Amino acid sequence: MRITTNSGQLLLERDGELAGADLSGLQLLSAYFKDSSLRATNLSGSFLNSADLSDADLSNACLAGAVMEGVLCLDAYFDEADLREADLNGAFGFRASFRGADLSGSILRGAHLEEADFTGATLEGVKLGRDQLNGSTVLRRADFRGANLRGWIGEGAIFEGATYDVRTCFPQGFDPKANGMICRNDDGMVVEPE
C-alpha cells in the first residue's frame, strides 16, 4: 500500500492492502484516499486532518478517536463504522453515508454534511453547532430516519429539510418541525408525527 498527499508527497509505504489494514495512531495529514477501499480498516486515533476521503468506502472501519478536522468526504461510505469520539470539526461530506454508524460523542461543529444519510446511526452526545470560526453544522436534507440523536450538545445546527421518522430519538425539548425537519415514512411519504 502506498499513501500520498494530494500533491503526491509519500506519507506511508507498506506491503499489503488498505482494506482491513491496521493504520491506528498514524499521522496521515492531507492523505489522499479518494476512491479507495478502506473497508474494516483500523484508523482509530489516527490524524487525518484535511484528508481526501471522497468516494472512499470506510464501511465497518474503526475511526474511534480519529482527528479528521477539515476532511473532505464527498459521497464517502462510513456505513456501520465506529466513529465514537472522532473529531470531524469542519468536515465537508455532501451525500456521505453514515448508515448504522456509531458517532457517539463525536465533534461535528462547523461540519457541512448536507444530504448525508444517518439512517439508523447513533449520534448520542454528538457535539453540533458553531465551530471556532463561527461556522454552523449544516445538515440540510440529511436523513435521520431511525437515528438516535439523544443528548446532542450545541446550538446553531441547521437541519432545514432534513428527514426523520417516528423511530428517530431526539434530545428532550427539541422540536424537529420547528427546526425545519420533515417527518417521512419508509416509503419517503411526508407524514404527520404522532
N, C-alpha and C. Protein backbone atom coordinates (compact mmCIF):
# COMPACT_ATOMS: atom_id res chain seq x y z
N MET A 1 0.85 -1.18 0.00
CA MET A 1 0.00 0.00 0.00
C MET A 1 0.89 1.23 0.00
N ARG A 2 0.42 2.23 -0.67
CA ARG A 2 1.16 3.50 -0.77
C ARG A 2 0.17 4.61 -0.48
N ILE A 3 0.48 5.44 0.50
CA ILE A 3 -0.39 6.56 0.88
C ILE A 3 0.36 7.85 0.61
N THR A 4 -0.26 8.72 -0.19
CA THR A 4 0.35 10.00 -0.53
C THR A 4 -0.60 11.14 -0.17
N THR A 5 -0.11 12.36 -0.25
CA THR A 5 -0.94 13.55 -0.12
C THR A 5 -1.50 13.89 -1.50
N ASN A 6 -2.38 14.87 -1.56
CA ASN A 6 -2.92 15.33 -2.85
C ASN A 6 -1.81 15.78 -3.80
N SER A 7 -0.71 16.29 -3.26
CA SER A 7 0.39 16.78 -4.10
C SER A 7 1.38 15.67 -4.46
N GLY A 8 1.13 14.45 -3.97
CA GLY A 8 1.99 13.32 -4.31
C GLY A 8 3.08 13.01 -3.31
N GLN A 9 3.19 13.77 -2.23
CA GLN A 9 4.20 13.51 -1.21
C GLN A 9 3.89 12.18 -0.52
N LEU A 10 4.88 11.31 -0.42
CA LEU A 10 4.72 9.99 0.20
C LEU A 10 4.58 10.12 1.71
N LEU A 11 3.48 9.56 2.26
CA LEU A 11 3.26 9.55 3.70
C LEU A 11 3.60 8.19 4.31
N LEU A 12 3.30 7.12 3.58
CA LEU A 12 3.49 5.78 4.11
C LEU A 12 3.55 4.77 2.97
N GLU A 13 4.47 3.83 3.09
CA GLU A 13 4.53 2.75 2.12
C GLU A 13 4.78 1.45 2.87
N ARG A 14 3.89 0.46 2.63
CA ARG A 14 3.95 -0.84 3.30
C ARG A 14 3.44 -1.90 2.35
N ASP A 15 3.76 -3.14 2.66
CA ASP A 15 3.17 -4.25 1.92
C ASP A 15 1.73 -4.42 2.35
N GLY A 16 0.90 -4.93 1.45
CA GLY A 16 -0.48 -5.22 1.80
C GLY A 16 -1.47 -4.24 1.22
N GLU A 17 -2.75 -4.52 1.49
CA GLU A 17 -3.86 -3.70 1.01
C GLU A 17 -4.30 -2.71 2.09
N LEU A 18 -4.99 -1.66 1.67
CA LEU A 18 -5.56 -0.70 2.61
C LEU A 18 -6.75 -1.31 3.36
N ALA A 19 -7.62 -2.02 2.65
CA ALA A 19 -8.80 -2.59 3.28
C ALA A 19 -8.37 -3.58 4.36
N GLY A 20 -8.88 -3.38 5.57
CA GLY A 20 -8.59 -4.26 6.70
C GLY A 20 -7.24 -4.01 7.36
N ALA A 21 -6.49 -3.03 6.90
CA ALA A 21 -5.16 -2.76 7.46
C ALA A 21 -5.27 -2.09 8.83
N ASP A 22 -4.22 -2.21 9.63
CA ASP A 22 -4.13 -1.51 10.91
C ASP A 22 -3.30 -0.25 10.71
N LEU A 23 -3.98 0.88 10.62
CA LEU A 23 -3.33 2.18 10.44
C LEU A 23 -3.60 3.06 11.67
N SER A 24 -3.84 2.43 12.80
CA SER A 24 -4.21 3.17 14.01
C SER A 24 -3.06 4.04 14.50
N GLY A 25 -3.43 5.24 14.96
CA GLY A 25 -2.49 6.16 15.57
C GLY A 25 -1.50 6.83 14.63
N LEU A 26 -1.68 6.70 13.33
CA LEU A 26 -0.72 7.28 12.38
C LEU A 26 -1.04 8.74 12.04
N GLN A 27 -0.01 9.47 11.66
CA GLN A 27 -0.15 10.84 11.17
C GLN A 27 -0.34 10.77 9.66
N LEU A 28 -1.59 10.93 9.21
CA LEU A 28 -1.91 10.85 7.78
C LEU A 28 -2.54 12.17 7.33
N LEU A 29 -1.91 13.26 7.71
CA LEU A 29 -2.41 14.60 7.38
C LEU A 29 -2.43 14.80 5.87
N SER A 30 -3.55 15.29 5.37
CA SER A 30 -3.75 15.56 3.94
C SER A 30 -3.61 14.31 3.07
N ALA A 31 -3.83 13.13 3.64
CA ALA A 31 -3.71 11.89 2.88
C ALA A 31 -4.75 11.85 1.76
N TYR A 32 -4.39 11.21 0.67
CA TYR A 32 -5.25 11.10 -0.50
C TYR A 32 -5.78 9.67 -0.58
N PHE A 33 -7.06 9.51 -0.17
CA PHE A 33 -7.71 8.21 -0.18
C PHE A 33 -8.91 8.21 -1.15
N LYS A 34 -8.98 9.17 -2.03
CA LYS A 34 -10.12 9.28 -2.96
C LYS A 34 -10.30 7.95 -3.69
N ASP A 35 -11.58 7.48 -3.73
CA ASP A 35 -11.96 6.23 -4.41
C ASP A 35 -11.32 4.98 -3.82
N SER A 36 -10.78 5.05 -2.61
CA SER A 36 -10.10 3.89 -2.01
C SER A 36 -11.07 3.01 -1.24
N SER A 37 -10.74 1.72 -1.16
CA SER A 37 -11.47 0.81 -0.28
C SER A 37 -10.71 0.73 1.04
N LEU A 38 -11.35 1.25 2.08
CA LEU A 38 -10.79 1.20 3.44
C LEU A 38 -11.73 0.42 4.35
N ARG A 39 -12.46 -0.53 3.75
CA ARG A 39 -13.42 -1.35 4.50
C ARG A 39 -12.69 -2.07 5.63
N ALA A 40 -13.29 -1.95 6.84
CA ALA A 40 -12.79 -2.63 8.04
C ALA A 40 -11.35 -2.24 8.40
N THR A 41 -10.89 -1.10 7.91
CA THR A 41 -9.55 -0.62 8.25
C THR A 41 -9.57 0.01 9.63
N ASN A 42 -8.52 -0.22 10.41
CA ASN A 42 -8.42 0.38 11.74
C ASN A 42 -7.64 1.69 11.63
N LEU A 43 -8.36 2.80 11.74
CA LEU A 43 -7.77 4.14 11.72
C LEU A 43 -8.00 4.84 13.07
N SER A 44 -8.27 4.06 14.10
CA SER A 44 -8.55 4.65 15.42
C SER A 44 -7.35 5.47 15.89
N GLY A 45 -7.65 6.65 16.41
CA GLY A 45 -6.62 7.53 16.94
C GLY A 45 -5.70 8.13 15.90
N SER A 46 -5.98 7.93 14.63
CA SER A 46 -5.14 8.49 13.57
C SER A 46 -5.45 9.97 13.35
N PHE A 47 -4.50 10.67 12.78
CA PHE A 47 -4.67 12.08 12.44
C PHE A 47 -4.85 12.17 10.94
N LEU A 48 -6.08 12.50 10.53
CA LEU A 48 -6.45 12.56 9.12
C LEU A 48 -6.88 13.96 8.72
N ASN A 49 -6.41 14.97 9.42
CA ASN A 49 -6.80 16.35 9.12
C ASN A 49 -6.58 16.64 7.63
N SER A 50 -7.58 17.25 7.01
CA SER A 50 -7.55 17.68 5.61
C SER A 50 -7.36 16.52 4.62
N ALA A 51 -7.61 15.29 5.03
CA ALA A 51 -7.51 14.16 4.11
C ALA A 51 -8.64 14.20 3.09
N ASP A 52 -8.42 13.60 1.93
CA ASP A 52 -9.46 13.47 0.91
C ASP A 52 -9.97 12.03 0.93
N LEU A 53 -11.19 11.86 1.46
CA LEU A 53 -11.84 10.55 1.52
C LEU A 53 -13.02 10.49 0.56
N SER A 54 -13.05 11.37 -0.40
CA SER A 54 -14.17 11.43 -1.35
C SER A 54 -14.32 10.10 -2.07
N ASP A 55 -15.58 9.62 -2.13
CA ASP A 55 -15.91 8.37 -2.81
C ASP A 55 -15.21 7.16 -2.22
N ALA A 56 -14.61 7.29 -1.05
CA ALA A 56 -13.95 6.16 -0.40
C ALA A 56 -14.98 5.32 0.34
N ASP A 57 -14.68 4.03 0.50
CA ASP A 57 -15.54 3.12 1.25
C ASP A 57 -14.87 2.79 2.57
N LEU A 58 -15.42 3.37 3.65
CA LEU A 58 -14.92 3.12 5.00
C LEU A 58 -15.95 2.34 5.81
N SER A 59 -16.77 1.54 5.13
CA SER A 59 -17.76 0.73 5.82
C SER A 59 -17.07 -0.19 6.81
N ASN A 60 -17.63 -0.29 8.00
CA ASN A 60 -17.11 -1.14 9.07
C ASN A 60 -15.70 -0.77 9.53
N ALA A 61 -15.23 0.41 9.16
CA ALA A 61 -13.90 0.85 9.60
C ALA A 61 -13.98 1.33 11.05
N CYS A 62 -12.85 1.29 11.73
CA CYS A 62 -12.77 1.83 13.09
C CYS A 62 -12.03 3.16 13.02
N LEU A 63 -12.76 4.24 13.31
CA LEU A 63 -12.21 5.59 13.32
C LEU A 63 -12.40 6.22 14.69
N ALA A 64 -12.57 5.39 15.72
CA ALA A 64 -12.80 5.89 17.08
C ALA A 64 -11.63 6.78 17.50
N GLY A 65 -11.96 7.98 17.95
CA GLY A 65 -10.95 8.92 18.43
C GLY A 65 -10.08 9.51 17.34
N ALA A 66 -10.38 9.27 16.08
CA ALA A 66 -9.59 9.83 14.99
C ALA A 66 -9.81 11.34 14.90
N VAL A 67 -8.78 12.07 14.56
CA VAL A 67 -8.87 13.51 14.35
C VAL A 67 -8.96 13.73 12.85
N MET A 68 -10.13 14.21 12.42
CA MET A 68 -10.43 14.33 10.99
C MET A 68 -10.89 15.75 10.65
N GLU A 69 -10.29 16.74 11.28
CA GLU A 69 -10.71 18.12 11.06
C GLU A 69 -10.49 18.50 9.60
N GLY A 70 -11.53 19.11 9.01
CA GLY A 70 -11.44 19.60 7.64
C GLY A 70 -11.36 18.51 6.59
N VAL A 71 -11.70 17.28 6.95
CA VAL A 71 -11.64 16.17 5.99
C VAL A 71 -12.67 16.37 4.88
N LEU A 72 -12.32 15.98 3.68
CA LEU A 72 -13.22 16.05 2.53
C LEU A 72 -13.73 14.62 2.30
N CYS A 73 -15.04 14.43 2.47
CA CYS A 73 -15.60 13.07 2.34
C CYS A 73 -16.88 13.09 1.51
N LEU A 74 -16.82 13.71 0.35
CA LEU A 74 -17.97 13.75 -0.57
C LEU A 74 -18.31 12.33 -1.01
N ASP A 75 -19.58 11.95 -0.89
CA ASP A 75 -20.06 10.64 -1.34
C ASP A 75 -19.30 9.46 -0.72
N ALA A 76 -18.67 9.66 0.42
CA ALA A 76 -17.94 8.57 1.09
C ALA A 76 -18.92 7.69 1.86
N TYR A 77 -18.53 6.45 2.10
CA TYR A 77 -19.35 5.49 2.85
C TYR A 77 -18.69 5.18 4.18
N PHE A 78 -19.42 5.51 5.27
CA PHE A 78 -19.00 5.19 6.63
C PHE A 78 -20.03 4.25 7.26
N ASP A 79 -20.70 3.46 6.44
CA ASP A 79 -21.78 2.60 6.93
C ASP A 79 -21.24 1.60 7.97
N GLU A 80 -21.95 1.53 9.11
CA GLU A 80 -21.60 0.63 10.22
C GLU A 80 -20.21 0.91 10.79
N ALA A 81 -19.64 2.07 10.51
CA ALA A 81 -18.30 2.41 11.02
C ALA A 81 -18.36 2.87 12.47
N ASP A 82 -17.26 2.71 13.17
CA ASP A 82 -17.11 3.17 14.55
C ASP A 82 -16.40 4.52 14.53
N LEU A 83 -17.18 5.58 14.73
CA LEU A 83 -16.66 6.95 14.74
C LEU A 83 -16.83 7.58 16.13
N ARG A 84 -16.89 6.75 17.17
CA ARG A 84 -17.07 7.28 18.53
C ARG A 84 -15.91 8.21 18.87
N GLU A 85 -16.29 9.39 19.40
CA GLU A 85 -15.32 10.40 19.85
C GLU A 85 -14.41 10.92 18.72
N ALA A 86 -14.78 10.71 17.46
CA ALA A 86 -13.99 11.23 16.35
C ALA A 86 -14.21 12.74 16.22
N ASP A 87 -13.21 13.45 15.77
CA ASP A 87 -13.29 14.90 15.59
C ASP A 87 -13.42 15.20 14.10
N LEU A 88 -14.66 15.53 13.68
CA LEU A 88 -14.94 15.88 12.29
C LEU A 88 -15.25 17.37 12.18
N ASN A 89 -14.65 18.16 13.04
CA ASN A 89 -14.83 19.61 13.03
C ASN A 89 -14.50 20.15 11.64
N GLY A 90 -15.45 20.85 11.02
CA GLY A 90 -15.21 21.47 9.73
C GLY A 90 -15.15 20.50 8.56
N ALA A 91 -15.59 19.26 8.75
CA ALA A 91 -15.58 18.28 7.66
C ALA A 91 -16.58 18.70 6.58
N PHE A 92 -16.32 18.28 5.36
CA PHE A 92 -17.23 18.55 4.25
C PHE A 92 -17.58 17.22 3.61
N GLY A 93 -18.85 16.79 3.81
CA GLY A 93 -19.26 15.47 3.35
C GLY A 93 -20.61 15.45 2.68
N PHE A 94 -20.77 16.18 1.60
CA PHE A 94 -22.02 16.19 0.85
C PHE A 94 -22.34 14.76 0.42
N ARG A 95 -23.55 14.29 0.72
CA ARG A 95 -24.06 12.96 0.38
C ARG A 95 -23.25 11.81 0.97
N ALA A 96 -22.51 12.05 2.04
CA ALA A 96 -21.79 10.95 2.70
C ALA A 96 -22.81 10.05 3.38
N SER A 97 -22.49 8.77 3.49
CA SER A 97 -23.39 7.80 4.11
C SER A 97 -22.81 7.31 5.43
N PHE A 98 -23.62 7.48 6.49
CA PHE A 98 -23.26 7.03 7.83
C PHE A 98 -24.31 6.04 8.34
N ARG A 99 -24.89 5.26 7.45
CA ARG A 99 -25.97 4.33 7.82
C ARG A 99 -25.48 3.35 8.88
N GLY A 100 -26.18 3.35 10.03
CA GLY A 100 -25.85 2.42 11.10
C GLY A 100 -24.53 2.68 11.80
N ALA A 101 -23.89 3.80 11.52
CA ALA A 101 -22.60 4.13 12.14
C ALA A 101 -22.80 4.60 13.58
N ASP A 102 -21.76 4.46 14.39
CA ASP A 102 -21.79 4.96 15.77
C ASP A 102 -20.91 6.20 15.84
N LEU A 103 -21.55 7.36 15.97
CA LEU A 103 -20.86 8.64 16.08
C LEU A 103 -20.97 9.20 17.49
N SER A 104 -21.26 8.37 18.48
CA SER A 104 -21.44 8.83 19.86
C SER A 104 -20.26 9.69 20.31
N GLY A 105 -20.58 10.86 20.84
CA GLY A 105 -19.56 11.75 21.39
C GLY A 105 -18.67 12.42 20.36
N SER A 106 -18.96 12.28 19.07
CA SER A 106 -18.13 12.88 18.03
C SER A 106 -18.33 14.39 17.97
N ILE A 107 -17.38 15.07 17.40
CA ILE A 107 -17.46 16.52 17.21
C ILE A 107 -17.77 16.78 15.74
N LEU A 108 -18.92 17.43 15.51
CA LEU A 108 -19.34 17.79 14.15
C LEU A 108 -19.53 19.29 14.02
N ARG A 109 -18.92 20.06 14.90
CA ARG A 109 -19.08 21.51 14.84
C ARG A 109 -18.53 22.05 13.53
N GLY A 110 -19.33 22.89 12.88
CA GLY A 110 -18.90 23.50 11.63
C GLY A 110 -18.84 22.55 10.45
N ALA A 111 -19.25 21.31 10.63
CA ALA A 111 -19.23 20.33 9.53
C ALA A 111 -20.37 20.61 8.55
N HIS A 112 -20.12 20.39 7.29
CA HIS A 112 -21.13 20.52 6.23
C HIS A 112 -21.43 19.11 5.73
N LEU A 113 -22.56 18.57 6.20
CA LEU A 113 -22.95 17.20 5.86
C LEU A 113 -24.33 17.21 5.21
N GLU A 114 -24.48 18.08 4.23
CA GLU A 114 -25.76 18.20 3.53
C GLU A 114 -26.06 16.92 2.76
N GLU A 115 -27.32 16.50 2.82
CA GLU A 115 -27.83 15.30 2.17
C GLU A 115 -27.11 14.03 2.63
N ALA A 116 -26.47 14.07 3.79
CA ALA A 116 -25.83 12.88 4.34
C ALA A 116 -26.90 11.92 4.84
N ASP A 117 -26.58 10.64 4.86
CA ASP A 117 -27.53 9.61 5.29
C ASP A 117 -27.10 9.05 6.64
N PHE A 118 -27.87 9.39 7.67
CA PHE A 118 -27.62 8.91 9.03
C PHE A 118 -28.68 7.89 9.44
N THR A 119 -29.30 7.20 8.49
CA THR A 119 -30.34 6.23 8.80
C THR A 119 -29.82 5.19 9.79
N GLY A 120 -30.50 5.07 10.93
CA GLY A 120 -30.14 4.07 11.93
C GLY A 120 -28.84 4.35 12.67
N ALA A 121 -28.27 5.51 12.49
CA ALA A 121 -26.99 5.84 13.14
C ALA A 121 -27.20 6.26 14.59
N THR A 122 -26.15 6.12 15.39
CA THR A 122 -26.16 6.57 16.78
C THR A 122 -25.32 7.85 16.85
N LEU A 123 -26.00 8.95 17.21
CA LEU A 123 -25.34 10.24 17.35
C LEU A 123 -25.52 10.77 18.77
N GLU A 124 -25.61 9.88 19.72
CA GLU A 124 -25.84 10.26 21.11
C GLU A 124 -24.65 11.05 21.64
N GLY A 125 -24.94 12.23 22.18
CA GLY A 125 -23.90 13.07 22.77
C GLY A 125 -22.99 13.74 21.75
N VAL A 126 -23.36 13.72 20.46
CA VAL A 126 -22.55 14.36 19.43
C VAL A 126 -22.58 15.88 19.66
N LYS A 127 -21.47 16.52 19.33
CA LYS A 127 -21.35 17.97 19.51
C LYS A 127 -21.57 18.66 18.18
N LEU A 128 -22.69 19.40 18.09
CA LEU A 128 -23.08 20.12 16.88
C LEU A 128 -22.97 21.61 17.12
N GLY A 129 -23.17 22.40 16.07
CA GLY A 129 -23.25 23.85 16.24
C GLY A 129 -22.06 24.58 15.65
N ARG A 130 -21.75 25.68 16.27
CA ARG A 130 -20.73 26.57 15.74
C ARG A 130 -19.31 26.11 16.09
N ASP A 131 -18.41 26.28 15.11
CA ASP A 131 -17.01 25.98 15.34
C ASP A 131 -16.27 27.24 15.76
N GLN A 132 -14.94 27.16 15.87
CA GLN A 132 -14.15 28.31 16.33
C GLN A 132 -14.18 29.49 15.37
N LEU A 133 -14.61 29.27 14.12
CA LEU A 133 -14.74 30.36 13.15
C LEU A 133 -16.18 30.80 12.98
N ASN A 134 -17.04 30.33 13.91
CA ASN A 134 -18.45 30.67 13.96
C ASN A 134 -19.27 30.04 12.83
N GLY A 135 -18.73 29.00 12.20
CA GLY A 135 -19.48 28.28 11.17
C GLY A 135 -20.38 27.24 11.81
N SER A 136 -21.58 27.12 11.31
CA SER A 136 -22.56 26.18 11.87
C SER A 136 -22.41 24.78 11.28
N THR A 137 -22.90 23.80 12.03
CA THR A 137 -23.05 22.45 11.48
C THR A 137 -24.22 22.50 10.52
N VAL A 138 -24.01 22.12 9.27
CA VAL A 138 -25.05 22.17 8.25
C VAL A 138 -25.46 20.75 7.90
N LEU A 139 -26.73 20.44 8.20
CA LEU A 139 -27.28 19.10 7.98
C LEU A 139 -28.54 19.18 7.11
N ARG A 140 -28.57 20.14 6.20
CA ARG A 140 -29.73 20.31 5.32
C ARG A 140 -29.98 19.02 4.54
N ARG A 141 -31.26 18.63 4.48
CA ARG A 141 -31.73 17.49 3.70
C ARG A 141 -31.04 16.17 4.08
N ALA A 142 -30.45 16.11 5.27
CA ALA A 142 -29.86 14.84 5.75
C ALA A 142 -30.99 13.90 6.17
N ASP A 143 -30.73 12.63 6.18
CA ASP A 143 -31.73 11.62 6.55
C ASP A 143 -31.39 11.05 7.92
N PHE A 144 -32.28 11.30 8.87
CA PHE A 144 -32.10 10.83 10.25
C PHE A 144 -33.14 9.77 10.63
N ARG A 145 -33.73 9.11 9.66
CA ARG A 145 -34.75 8.11 9.98
C ARG A 145 -34.13 6.98 10.81
N GLY A 146 -34.74 6.72 11.96
CA GLY A 146 -34.28 5.66 12.84
C GLY A 146 -33.01 5.98 13.61
N ALA A 147 -32.53 7.21 13.53
CA ALA A 147 -31.28 7.59 14.21
C ALA A 147 -31.53 7.98 15.66
N ASN A 148 -30.49 7.84 16.48
CA ASN A 148 -30.54 8.25 17.88
C ASN A 148 -29.73 9.54 18.02
N LEU A 149 -30.43 10.64 18.27
CA LEU A 149 -29.80 11.95 18.44
C LEU A 149 -29.90 12.43 19.88
N ARG A 150 -30.20 11.53 20.81
CA ARG A 150 -30.35 11.94 22.21
C ARG A 150 -29.07 12.56 22.75
N GLY A 151 -29.26 13.59 23.51
CA GLY A 151 -28.15 14.19 24.24
C GLY A 151 -27.15 14.96 23.41
N TRP A 152 -27.48 15.29 22.14
CA TRP A 152 -26.50 16.07 21.39
C TRP A 152 -26.33 17.43 22.04
N ILE A 153 -25.15 17.99 21.87
CA ILE A 153 -24.76 19.21 22.55
C ILE A 153 -24.50 20.29 21.51
N GLY A 154 -25.05 21.48 21.73
CA GLY A 154 -24.73 22.60 20.86
C GLY A 154 -25.94 23.30 20.31
N GLU A 155 -25.74 24.53 19.93
CA GLU A 155 -26.77 25.37 19.33
C GLU A 155 -26.29 25.79 17.94
N GLY A 156 -27.24 26.09 17.09
CA GLY A 156 -26.89 26.66 15.79
C GLY A 156 -26.72 25.67 14.66
N ALA A 157 -27.09 24.42 14.87
CA ALA A 157 -27.05 23.45 13.76
C ALA A 157 -28.22 23.73 12.82
N ILE A 158 -28.01 23.54 11.53
CA ILE A 158 -29.02 23.81 10.52
C ILE A 158 -29.56 22.48 10.00
N PHE A 159 -30.85 22.21 10.28
CA PHE A 159 -31.50 20.95 9.91
C PHE A 159 -32.51 21.12 8.78
N GLU A 160 -32.59 22.26 8.17
CA GLU A 160 -33.63 22.58 7.18
C GLU A 160 -33.77 21.47 6.13
N GLY A 161 -35.00 20.94 6.01
CA GLY A 161 -35.30 19.91 5.02
C GLY A 161 -34.81 18.52 5.37
N ALA A 162 -34.19 18.36 6.54
CA ALA A 162 -33.72 17.03 6.96
C ALA A 162 -34.92 16.14 7.26
N THR A 163 -34.74 14.84 7.11
CA THR A 163 -35.80 13.86 7.26
C THR A 163 -35.64 13.09 8.57
N TYR A 164 -36.77 12.81 9.20
CA TYR A 164 -36.79 11.95 10.39
C TYR A 164 -38.04 11.10 10.31
N ASP A 165 -38.18 10.14 11.23
CA ASP A 165 -39.40 9.34 11.30
C ASP A 165 -39.76 9.10 12.76
N VAL A 166 -40.78 8.30 12.98
CA VAL A 166 -41.26 8.08 14.35
C VAL A 166 -40.25 7.32 15.19
N ARG A 167 -39.27 6.66 14.58
CA ARG A 167 -38.23 5.94 15.32
C ARG A 167 -37.07 6.82 15.73
N THR A 168 -36.96 8.01 15.15
CA THR A 168 -35.85 8.91 15.45
C THR A 168 -35.97 9.40 16.89
N CYS A 169 -34.88 9.32 17.63
CA CYS A 169 -34.85 9.77 19.03
C CYS A 169 -34.14 11.12 19.10
N PHE A 170 -34.84 12.12 19.63
CA PHE A 170 -34.29 13.47 19.75
C PHE A 170 -34.02 13.80 21.21
N PRO A 171 -33.18 14.81 21.47
CA PRO A 171 -32.99 15.27 22.84
C PRO A 171 -34.30 15.85 23.39
N GLN A 172 -34.47 15.75 24.66
CA GLN A 172 -35.67 16.30 25.30
C GLN A 172 -35.77 17.79 25.00
N GLY A 173 -36.96 18.22 24.57
CA GLY A 173 -37.22 19.63 24.28
C GLY A 173 -36.93 20.04 22.85
N PHE A 174 -36.31 19.18 22.05
CA PHE A 174 -36.01 19.52 20.66
C PHE A 174 -37.26 19.32 19.81
N ASP A 175 -37.63 20.33 19.04
CA ASP A 175 -38.79 20.26 18.16
C ASP A 175 -38.31 20.16 16.72
N PRO A 176 -38.35 18.96 16.13
CA PRO A 176 -37.82 18.81 14.77
C PRO A 176 -38.56 19.67 13.74
N LYS A 177 -39.87 19.77 13.88
CA LYS A 177 -40.66 20.54 12.92
C LYS A 177 -40.28 22.02 12.98
N ALA A 178 -40.10 22.56 14.18
CA ALA A 178 -39.70 23.96 14.34
C ALA A 178 -38.29 24.22 13.81
N ASN A 179 -37.50 23.17 13.66
CA ASN A 179 -36.15 23.29 13.12
C ASN A 179 -36.09 22.94 11.64
N GLY A 180 -37.27 22.90 10.99
CA GLY A 180 -37.32 22.70 9.55
C GLY A 180 -37.21 21.27 9.08
N MET A 181 -37.34 20.31 10.01
CA MET A 181 -37.23 18.90 9.63
C MET A 181 -38.58 18.37 9.16
N ILE A 182 -38.56 17.33 8.36
CA ILE A 182 -39.76 16.76 7.75
C ILE A 182 -39.87 15.29 8.17
N CYS A 183 -41.05 14.91 8.67
CA CYS A 183 -41.28 13.52 9.06
C CYS A 183 -41.74 12.73 7.83
N ARG A 184 -41.04 11.65 7.53
CA ARG A 184 -41.38 10.80 6.39
C ARG A 184 -41.43 9.34 6.84
N ASN A 185 -42.23 8.55 6.14
CA ASN A 185 -42.26 7.12 6.43
C ASN A 185 -41.17 6.43 5.60
N ASP A 186 -41.09 5.10 5.68
CA ASP A 186 -40.05 4.35 4.96
C ASP A 186 -40.17 4.46 3.45
N ASP A 187 -41.36 4.80 2.96
CA ASP A 187 -41.56 4.98 1.52
C ASP A 187 -41.24 6.41 1.07
N GLY A 188 -40.83 7.27 1.99
CA GLY A 188 -40.49 8.64 1.66
C GLY A 188 -41.66 9.59 1.64
N MET A 189 -42.85 9.10 2.00
CA MET A 189 -44.04 9.95 2.03
C MET A 189 -44.03 10.82 3.28
N VAL A 190 -44.41 12.10 3.12
CA VAL A 190 -44.49 13.00 4.26
C VAL A 190 -45.67 12.55 5.13
N VAL A 191 -45.42 12.45 6.44
CA VAL A 191 -46.46 12.07 7.39
C VAL A 191 -46.42 13.01 8.57
N GLU A 192 -47.53 13.10 9.27
CA GLU A 192 -47.60 13.90 10.49
C GLU A 192 -47.06 13.04 11.64
N PRO A 193 -46.13 13.58 12.42
CA PRO A 193 -45.59 12.79 13.54
C PRO A 193 -46.69 12.53 14.58
N GLU A 194 -46.56 11.41 15.25
CA GLU A 194 -47.55 11.04 16.28
C GLU A 194 -47.34 11.83 17.54
